C-alpha atoms as a PDB file:
ATOM      1  CA  MET A   1     123.237  94.980 104.834  1.00  0.00           C
ATOM      2  CA  ALA A   2     120.610  96.391 107.162  1.00  0.00           C
ATOM      3  CA  SER A   3     121.895  98.075 110.277  1.00  0.00           C
ATOM      4  CA  SER A   4     121.513  96.538 113.710  1.00  0.00           C
ATOM      5  CA  THR A   5     119.463  98.459 116.247  1.00  0.00           C
ATOM      6  CA  SER A   6     121.410 100.963 118.315  1.00  0.00           C
ATOM      7  CA  ASP A   7     120.052 103.361 120.901  1.00  0.00           C
ATOM      8  CA  GLU A   8     122.662 105.927 119.822  1.00  0.00           C
ATOM      9  CA  LYS A   9     121.634 105.782 116.180  1.00  0.00           C
ATOM     10  CA  GLN A  10     119.268 108.314 114.705  1.00  0.00           C
ATOM     11  CA  ASP A  11     117.808 108.811 111.260  1.00  0.00           C
ATOM     12  CA  LYS A  12     117.802 112.496 110.293  1.00  0.00           C
ATOM     13  CA  TYR A  13     114.625 112.148 108.222  1.00  0.00           C
ATOM     14  CA  ARG A  14     112.623 109.497 110.112  1.00  0.00           C
ATOM     15  CA  SER A  15     111.380 108.861 113.643  1.00  0.00           C
ATOM     16  CA  TYR A  16     110.614 105.520 115.312  1.00  0.00           C
ATOM     17  CA  LEU A  17     113.424 103.673 113.528  1.00  0.00           C
ATOM     18  CA  HIS A  18     116.038 103.307 116.276  1.00  0.00           C
ATOM     19  CA  GLY A  19     116.167 103.602 120.029  1.00  0.00           C
ATOM     20  CA  GLU A  20     114.653 102.113 123.140  1.00  0.00           C
ATOM     21  CA  GLY A  21     111.122 102.431 121.794  1.00  0.00           C
ATOM     22  CA  GLU A  22     111.946 100.081 118.921  1.00  0.00           C
ATOM     23  CA  LYS A  23     113.789  97.366 120.845  1.00  0.00           C
ATOM     24  CA  ASN A  24     110.851  94.957 120.444  1.00  0.00           C
ATOM     25  CA  THR A  25     109.766  96.046 116.974  1.00  0.00           C
ATOM     26  CA  LYS A  26     109.271  93.252 114.448  1.00  0.00           C
ATOM     27  CA  TRP A  27     111.002  94.154 111.186  1.00  0.00           C
ATOM     28  CA  LYS A  28     110.049  92.691 107.816  1.00  0.00           C
ATOM     29  CA  PHE A  29     113.632  91.782 106.947  1.00  0.00           C
ATOM     30  CA  GLY A  30     114.747  90.976 110.496  1.00  0.00           C
ATOM     31  CA  ALA A  31     116.433  94.301 111.286  1.00  0.00           C
ATOM     32  CA  PRO A  32     115.767  98.032 110.839  1.00  0.00           C
ATOM     33  CA  PRO A  33     116.209  99.205 107.234  1.00  0.00           C
ATOM     34  CA  ASN A  34     119.303 101.200 106.316  1.00  0.00           C
ATOM     35  CA  TYR A  35     118.339 104.276 104.312  1.00  0.00           C
ATOM     36  CA  GLU A  36     121.858 105.481 103.471  1.00  0.00           C
ATOM     37  CA  THR A  37     121.560 104.704  99.757  1.00  0.00           C
ATOM     38  CA  VAL A  38     118.126 106.203  99.188  1.00  0.00           C
ATOM     39  CA  ASP A  39     118.975 109.209 101.381  1.00  0.00           C
ATOM     40  CA  LYS A  40     121.991 109.866  99.153  1.00  0.00           C
ATOM     41  CA  LEU A  41     119.699 109.708  96.118  1.00  0.00           C
ATOM     42  CA  PHE A  42     117.304 112.085  97.884  1.00  0.00           C
ATOM     43  CA  GLU A  43     120.006 114.594  98.779  1.00  0.00           C
ATOM     44  CA  GLN A  44     121.469 114.556  95.263  1.00  0.00           C
ATOM     45  CA  GLY A  45     118.135 114.839  93.474  1.00  0.00           C
ATOM     46  CA  ARG A  46     115.823 116.904  95.666  1.00  0.00           C
ATOM     47  CA  THR A  47     114.578 120.232  94.395  1.00  0.00           C
ATOM     48  CA  LYS A  48     113.869 121.756  97.828  1.00  0.00           C
ATOM     49  CA  ILE A  49     115.915 122.051 101.015  1.00  0.00           C
ATOM     50  CA  TRP A  50     113.562 123.013 103.816  1.00  0.00           C
ATOM     51  CA  PRO A  51     114.763 125.044 106.833  1.00  0.00           C
ATOM     52  CA  PRO A  52     115.106 123.020 110.058  1.00  0.00           C
ATOM     53  CA  GLY A  53     111.935 123.204 112.108  1.00  0.00           C
ATOM     54  CA  SER A  54     109.804 124.508 109.236  1.00  0.00           C
ATOM     55  CA  LEU A  55     106.344 123.110 108.568  1.00  0.00           C
ATOM     56  CA  GLU A  56     107.606 121.709 105.270  1.00  0.00           C
ATOM     57  CA  GLU A  57     110.433 119.806 106.980  1.00  0.00           C
ATOM     58  CA  LYS A  58     108.050 118.457 109.633  1.00  0.00           C
ATOM     59  CA  VAL A  59     105.584 117.239 106.997  1.00  0.00           C
ATOM     60  CA  GLN A  60     108.335 115.671 104.900  1.00  0.00           C
ATOM     61  CA  ASN A  61     109.768 113.818 107.892  1.00  0.00           C
ATOM     62  CA  LEU A  62     106.299 112.671 108.966  1.00  0.00           C
ATOM     63  CA  VAL A  63     105.633 111.251 105.497  1.00  0.00           C
ATOM     64  CA  LYS A  64     109.028 109.514 105.373  1.00  0.00           C
ATOM     65  CA  THR A  65     108.396 108.043 108.835  1.00  0.00           C
ATOM     66  CA  TRP A  66     104.934 106.857 107.809  1.00  0.00           C
ATOM     67  CA  GLU A  67     106.357 105.258 104.661  1.00  0.00           C
ATOM     68  CA  MET A  68     109.108 103.498 106.631  1.00  0.00           C
ATOM     69  CA  GLU A  69     106.644 102.042 109.126  1.00  0.00           C
ATOM     70  CA  MET A  70     104.181 100.873 106.479  1.00  0.00           C
ATOM     71  CA  PHE A  71     106.851  99.130 104.416  1.00  0.00           C
ATOM     72  CA  HIS A  72     109.120  97.719 107.100  1.00  0.00           C
ATOM     73  CA  LYS A  73     107.225  97.111 110.350  1.00  0.00           C
ATOM     74  CA  VAL A  74     105.463  93.751 110.465  1.00  0.00           C
ATOM     75  CA  SER A  75     102.920  94.514 113.182  1.00  0.00           C
ATOM     76  CA  SER A  76     100.564  97.496 113.267  1.00  0.00           C
ATOM     77  CA  HIS A  77     101.116  97.494 117.054  1.00  0.00           C
ATOM     78  CA  ASP A  78     104.566  98.926 116.285  1.00  0.00           C
ATOM     79  CA  TYR A  79     103.219 101.833 114.194  1.00  0.00           C
ATOM     80  CA  LYS A  80     103.707 105.162 115.942  1.00  0.00           C
ATOM     81  CA  SER A  81     103.124 107.668 113.141  1.00  0.00           C
ATOM     82  CA  VAL A  82      99.422 106.768 112.832  1.00  0.00           C
ATOM     83  CA  LYS A  83      96.428 106.380 115.142  1.00  0.00           C
ATOM     84  CA  VAL A  84      96.109 102.671 114.486  1.00  0.00           C
ATOM     85  CA  ASP A  85      92.495 102.179 115.586  1.00  0.00           C
ATOM     86  CA  THR A  86      91.071 104.888 113.335  1.00  0.00           C
ATOM     87  CA  TYR A  87      93.619 105.189 110.509  1.00  0.00           C
ATOM     88  CA  THR A  88      92.432 104.872 106.903  1.00  0.00           C
ATOM     89  CA  THR A  89      94.046 105.510 103.532  1.00  0.00           C
ATOM     90  CA  SER A  90      92.657 105.975 100.025  1.00  0.00           C
ATOM     91  CA  VAL A  91      93.994 106.538  96.507  1.00  0.00           C
ATOM     92  CA  ASN A  92      92.311 108.643  93.811  1.00  0.00           C
ATOM     93  CA  GLY A  93      88.984 108.780  95.612  1.00  0.00           C
ATOM     94  CA  ARG A  94      88.641 105.016  95.943  1.00  0.00           C
ATOM     95  CA  LYS A  95      87.180 103.445  99.089  1.00  0.00           C
ATOM     96  CA  ALA A  96      89.114 104.348 102.240  1.00  0.00           C
ATOM     97  CA  LEU A  97      90.880 101.287 103.628  1.00  0.00           C
ATOM     98  CA  THR A  98      91.760 100.354 107.183  1.00  0.00           C
ATOM     99  CA  ILE A  99      95.197  98.904 107.916  1.00  0.00           C
ATOM    100  CA  GLU A 100      93.794  95.374 107.653  1.00  0.00           C
ATOM    101  CA  GLU A 101      91.959  96.099 104.396  1.00  0.00           C
ATOM    102  CA  LYS A 102      95.124  97.650 102.968  1.00  0.00           C
ATOM    103  CA  ARG A 103      96.998  94.446 103.797  1.00  0.00           C
ATOM    104  CA  GLN A 104      94.348  92.429 101.986  1.00  0.00           C
ATOM    105  CA  VAL A 105      95.095  94.250  98.719  1.00  0.00           C
ATOM    106  CA  GLY A 106      98.837  93.780  99.199  1.00  0.00           C
ATOM    107  CA  GLY A 107      99.738  97.029 100.978  1.00  0.00           C
ATOM    108  CA  GLY A 108     102.681  99.210  99.963  1.00  0.00           C
ATOM    109  CA  TYR A 109     103.111  99.695  96.224  1.00  0.00           C
ATOM    110  CA  ASN A 110     100.161  97.411  95.524  1.00  0.00           C
ATOM    111  CA  ASN A 111      97.835  99.841  97.262  1.00  0.00           C
ATOM    112  CA  PHE A 112      98.978 102.694  95.005  1.00  0.00           C
ATOM    113  CA  MET A 113      98.629 100.596  91.851  1.00  0.00           C
ATOM    114  CA  GLN A 114      94.912  99.805  92.269  1.00  0.00           C
ATOM    115  CA  THR A 115      93.071 100.403  88.997  1.00  0.00           C
ATOM    116  CA  SER A 116      89.770  99.880  87.209  1.00  0.00           C
ATOM    117  CA  LEU A 117      91.490  99.160  83.879  1.00  0.00           C
ATOM    118  CA  PRO A 118      90.560  95.857  82.203  1.00  0.00           C
ATOM    119  CA  GLU A 119      93.083  93.177  83.179  1.00  0.00           C
ATOM    120  CA  GLU A 120      94.462  92.849  79.626  1.00  0.00           C
ATOM    121  CA  LEU A 121      95.497  96.534  79.724  1.00  0.00           C
ATOM    122  CA  ARG A 122      97.274  96.426  83.072  1.00  0.00           C
ATOM    123  CA  GLY A 123     101.051  96.634  82.681  1.00  0.00           C
ATOM    124  CA  TYR A 124     101.182  95.935  86.386  1.00  0.00           C
ATOM    125  CA  ASN A 125      98.227  93.974  87.750  1.00  0.00           C
ATOM    126  CA  PRO A 126      97.760  94.460  91.519  1.00  0.00           C
ATOM    127  CA  ALA A 127      95.174  91.662  91.551  1.00  0.00           C
ATOM    128  CA  GLU A 128      97.999  89.194  90.847  1.00  0.00           C
ATOM    129  CA  GLU A 129     100.581  90.656  93.242  1.00  0.00           C
ATOM    130  CA  THR A 130     101.220  90.256  96.960  1.00  0.00           C
ATOM    131  CA  ALA A 131     102.983  92.609  99.370  1.00  0.00           C
ATOM    132  CA  ASP A 132     106.185  90.617  98.829  1.00  0.00           C
ATOM    133  CA  THR A 133     106.063  90.353  95.026  1.00  0.00           C
ATOM    134  CA  SER A 134     105.186  94.019  94.610  1.00  0.00           C
ATOM    135  CA  HIS A 135     108.083  95.051  96.858  1.00  0.00           C
ATOM    136  CA  VAL A 136     110.435  92.806  94.866  1.00  0.00           C
ATOM    137  CA  ALA A 137     109.259  94.270  91.552  1.00  0.00           C
ATOM    138  CA  PHE A 138     109.834  97.911  92.500  1.00  0.00           C
ATOM    139  CA  ALA A 139     112.944  97.349  94.629  1.00  0.00           C
ATOM    140  CA  THR A 140     114.516  95.446  91.728  1.00  0.00           C
ATOM    141  CA  ALA A 141     113.708  98.238  89.285  1.00  0.00           C
ATOM    142  CA  PHE A 142     115.055 100.906  91.690  1.00  0.00           C
ATOM    143  CA  PRO A 143     118.140  99.368  93.366  1.00  0.00           C
ATOM    144  CA  ARG A 144     119.100 102.790  94.796  1.00  0.00           C
ATOM    145  CA  GLY A 145     115.594 103.241  96.152  1.00  0.00           C
ATOM    146  CA  PHE A 146     112.601 105.399  95.310  1.00  0.00           C
ATOM    147  CA  ALA A 147     113.216 108.789  96.892  1.00  0.00           C
ATOM    148  CA  LEU A 148     110.502 111.080  98.215  1.00  0.00           C
ATOM    149  CA  GLU A 149     110.394 114.832  98.707  1.00  0.00           C
ATOM    150  CA  VAL A 150     107.650 117.233  99.727  1.00  0.00           C
ATOM    151  CA  ILE A 151     107.778 120.116  97.260  1.00  0.00           C
ATOM    152  CA  GLN A 152     104.988 122.299  98.645  1.00  0.00           C
ATOM    153  CA  VAL A 153     102.750 122.405 101.715  1.00  0.00           C
ATOM    154  CA  TYR A 154      99.440 124.177 101.171  1.00  0.00           C
ATOM    155  CA  SER A 155      97.991 123.938 104.693  1.00  0.00           C
ATOM    156  CA  GLY A 156      99.151 122.910 108.149  1.00  0.00           C
ATOM    157  CA  PRO A 157      97.644 120.655 110.811  1.00  0.00           C
ATOM    158  CA  PRO A 158      95.112 119.395 111.579  1.00  0.00           C
ATOM    159  CA  LEU A 159      94.419 119.050 107.817  1.00  0.00           C
ATOM    160  CA  ILE A 160      97.711 118.977 105.929  1.00  0.00           C
ATOM    161  CA  VAL A 161      97.670 119.254 102.142  1.00  0.00           C
ATOM    162  CA  TYR A 162     100.967 118.809 100.337  1.00  0.00           C
ATOM    163  CA  LYS A 163     102.451 118.128  96.905  1.00  0.00           C
ATOM    164  CA  PHE A 164     105.067 115.392  96.630  1.00  0.00           C
ATOM    165  CA  ARG A 165     107.549 113.973  94.167  1.00  0.00           C
ATOM    166  CA  HIS A 166     108.778 110.358  94.080  1.00  0.00           C
ATOM    167  CA  TRP A 167     111.732 109.446  91.869  1.00  0.00           C
ATOM    168  CA  GLY A 168     114.351 106.822  91.154  1.00  0.00           C
ATOM    169  CA  TYR A 169     116.589 105.493  88.388  1.00  0.00           C
ATOM    170  CA  MET A 170     115.436 102.358  86.591  1.00  0.00           C
ATOM    171  CA  GLU A 171     118.679 100.401  86.888  1.00  0.00           C
ATOM    172  CA  GLY A 172     117.003  96.991  87.155  1.00  0.00           C
ATOM    173  CA  PRO A 173     114.274  95.161  85.196  1.00  0.00           C
ATOM    174  CA  PHE A 174     110.570  95.592  85.860  1.00  0.00           C
ATOM    175  CA  LYS A 175     107.900  93.038  84.983  1.00  0.00           C
ATOM    176  CA  GLY A 176     109.858  91.686  82.036  1.00  0.00           C
ATOM    177  CA  HIS A 177     111.112  95.053  80.762  1.00  0.00           C
ATOM    178  CA  ALA A 178     114.827  95.793  80.528  1.00  0.00           C
ATOM    179  CA  PRO A 179     116.335  98.572  82.654  1.00  0.00           C
ATOM    180  CA  THR A 180     116.813 101.909  80.904  1.00  0.00           C
ATOM    181  CA  GLY A 181     118.944 103.669  83.517  1.00  0.00           C
ATOM    182  CA  GLU A 182     116.645 106.660  83.122  1.00  0.00           C
ATOM    183  CA  LEU A 183     115.037 108.850  85.750  1.00  0.00           C
ATOM    184  CA  VAL A 184     111.468 107.757  86.526  1.00  0.00           C
ATOM    185  CA  GLN A 185     109.336 110.094  88.601  1.00  0.00           C
ATOM    186  CA  ILE A 186     105.778 110.773  89.656  1.00  0.00           C
ATOM    187  CA  TYR A 187     104.078 113.798  91.230  1.00  0.00           C
ATOM    188  CA  GLY A 188     100.981 113.774  93.387  1.00  0.00           C
ATOM    189  CA  ILE A 189      98.893 115.481  96.039  1.00  0.00           C
ATOM    190  CA  SER A 190      98.140 114.115  99.503  1.00  0.00           C
ATOM    191  CA  ILE A 191      95.640 115.218 102.149  1.00  0.00           C
ATOM    192  CA  VAL A 192      96.485 114.156 105.690  1.00  0.00           C
ATOM    193  CA  GLU A 193      94.359 114.553 108.785  1.00  0.00           C
ATOM    194  CA  VAL A 194      96.350 114.458 112.039  1.00  0.00           C
ATOM    195  CA  ASP A 195      95.519 114.675 115.736  1.00  0.00           C
ATOM    196  CA  GLU A 196      97.079 116.976 118.338  1.00  0.00           C
ATOM    197  CA  GLU A 197     100.083 114.620 118.607  1.00  0.00           C
ATOM    198  CA  MET A 198     100.647 114.731 114.830  1.00  0.00           C
ATOM    199  CA  LYS A 199      99.556 111.112 114.493  1.00  0.00           C
ATOM    200  CA  ILE A 200      97.909 110.396 111.153  1.00  0.00           C
ATOM    201  CA  LEU A 201      94.181 109.687 111.280  1.00  0.00           C
ATOM    202  CA  LYS A 202      93.445 109.670 107.564  1.00  0.00           C
ATOM    203  CA  LYS A 203      95.550 109.845 104.403  1.00  0.00           C
ATOM    204  CA  GLU A 204      94.342 110.468 100.854  1.00  0.00           C
ATOM    205  CA  PHE A 205      96.509 110.311  97.726  1.00  0.00           C
ATOM    206  CA  PHE A 206      95.848 111.643  94.245  1.00  0.00           C
ATOM    207  CA  LEU A 207      98.309 110.554  91.558  1.00  0.00           C
ATOM    208  CA  ASP A 208      98.583 109.128  88.048  1.00  0.00           C
ATOM    209  CA  ARG A 209      99.937 105.569  88.242  1.00  0.00           C
ATOM    210  CA  GLY A 210     100.410 105.647  84.472  1.00  0.00           C
ATOM    211  CA  GLU A 211     103.219 108.187  84.808  1.00  0.00           C
ATOM    212  CA  LEU A 212     105.150 105.728  86.960  1.00  0.00           C
ATOM    213  CA  LEU A 213     104.414 102.627  84.897  1.00  0.00           C
ATOM    214  CA  GLY A 214     105.118 104.436  81.631  1.00  0.00           C
ATOM    215  CA  GLY A 215     108.674 105.123  82.737  1.00  0.00           C
ATOM    216  CA  LEU A 216     109.142 101.551  83.944  1.00  0.00           C
ATOM    217  CA  MET A 217     107.882  99.861  80.787  1.00  0.00           C
ATOM    218  CA  LYS A 218     109.917 101.717  78.152  1.00  0.00           C
ATOM    219  CA  GLY A 219     112.680  99.112  78.053  1.00  0.00           C
ATOM    220  CA  ALA A 220     112.781  96.142  75.684  1.00  0.00           C
ATOM    221  CA  LYS A 221     110.892  93.002  76.642  1.00  0.00           C
ATOM    222  CA  LEU A 222     112.946  90.328  78.367  1.00  0.00           C
ATOM    223  CA  GLY A 223     112.494  86.613  78.885  1.00  0.00           C
ATOM    224  CA  SER A 224     110.309  85.427  81.746  1.00  0.00           C
ATOM    225  CA  GLY A 225     111.770  85.390  85.244  1.00  0.00           C
ATOM    226  CA  THR A 226     114.506  87.942  84.605  1.00  0.00           C
ATOM    227  CA  ASP A 227     113.083  90.450  87.055  1.00  0.00           C
ATOM    228  CA  GLN A 228     112.670  88.130  90.020  1.00  0.00           C
ATOM    229  CA  VAL A 229     114.910  88.572  93.048  1.00  0.00           C
ATOM    230  CA  ALA A 230     114.971  86.411  96.194  1.00  0.00           C
ATOM    231  CA  LEU A 231     113.089  88.035  99.051  1.00  0.00           C
ATOM    232  CA  ASN A 232     116.001  87.541 101.429  1.00  0.00           C
ATOM    233  CA  CYS A 233     118.331  89.618  99.253  1.00  0.00           C
ATOM    234  CA  PRO A 234     119.999  92.211 101.528  1.00  0.00           C
ATOM    235  CA  PHE A 235     119.459  95.191  99.208  1.00  0.00           C
ATOM    236  CA  LEU A 236     115.684  94.875  99.525  1.00  0.00           C
ATOM    237  CA  ARG A 237     116.037  95.839 103.174  1.00  0.00           C
ATOM    238  CA  ASN A 238     117.543  99.153 102.222  1.00  0.00           C
ATOM    239  CA  THR A 239     114.890 100.508  99.870  1.00  0.00           C
ATOM    240  CA  GLY A 240     112.154 102.990 100.677  1.00  0.00           C
END
């Protein structure tokens, strides 16, 4: 179950999750997410351990904080890792989207899965998914979460360029495909512009969605409806 808010609690990889500043935050699943499971996956599977206080650690924690806020905070008024009024994000050189425009395409995973492929060739079709259904699809496939690590930082603020790795184990079905139990991972590059307070002004991603979907669609085809999970299921609160 998701943890209740506690001023004494801290997350060692994320800011703006607990404490007095979050007492009025509106959470997607009613309470702050609990990252214990995905943090365990991260610590067991990461390839880098960055020294405390290093630029790499700061960038990694900023990205994890950004990800937490985008997935779990209902209102953009509660975002603290970004400059809300000017923030934009883009994927693979597509049009930069404001927070509201990102919501219109489904946000979260749906934003990363945008494609110009013909609809009949889309193993995952973002045009047919919402923020909720996309979160269900990926959280079901990765019940232990989808871990993130920064594996190299090429430049520091105000223009941060870094290489990242996302990974998880497909231990649940995905879009009608049976779980394989195998490691599924994707690498990418991100360019982040920040202000003097390290708030994100602009974020660009460059990645190959096919690498992710290829790993998720290797399993045998299942009957319809086998990969659907109720949105109020507690484990969905605990995925990143």
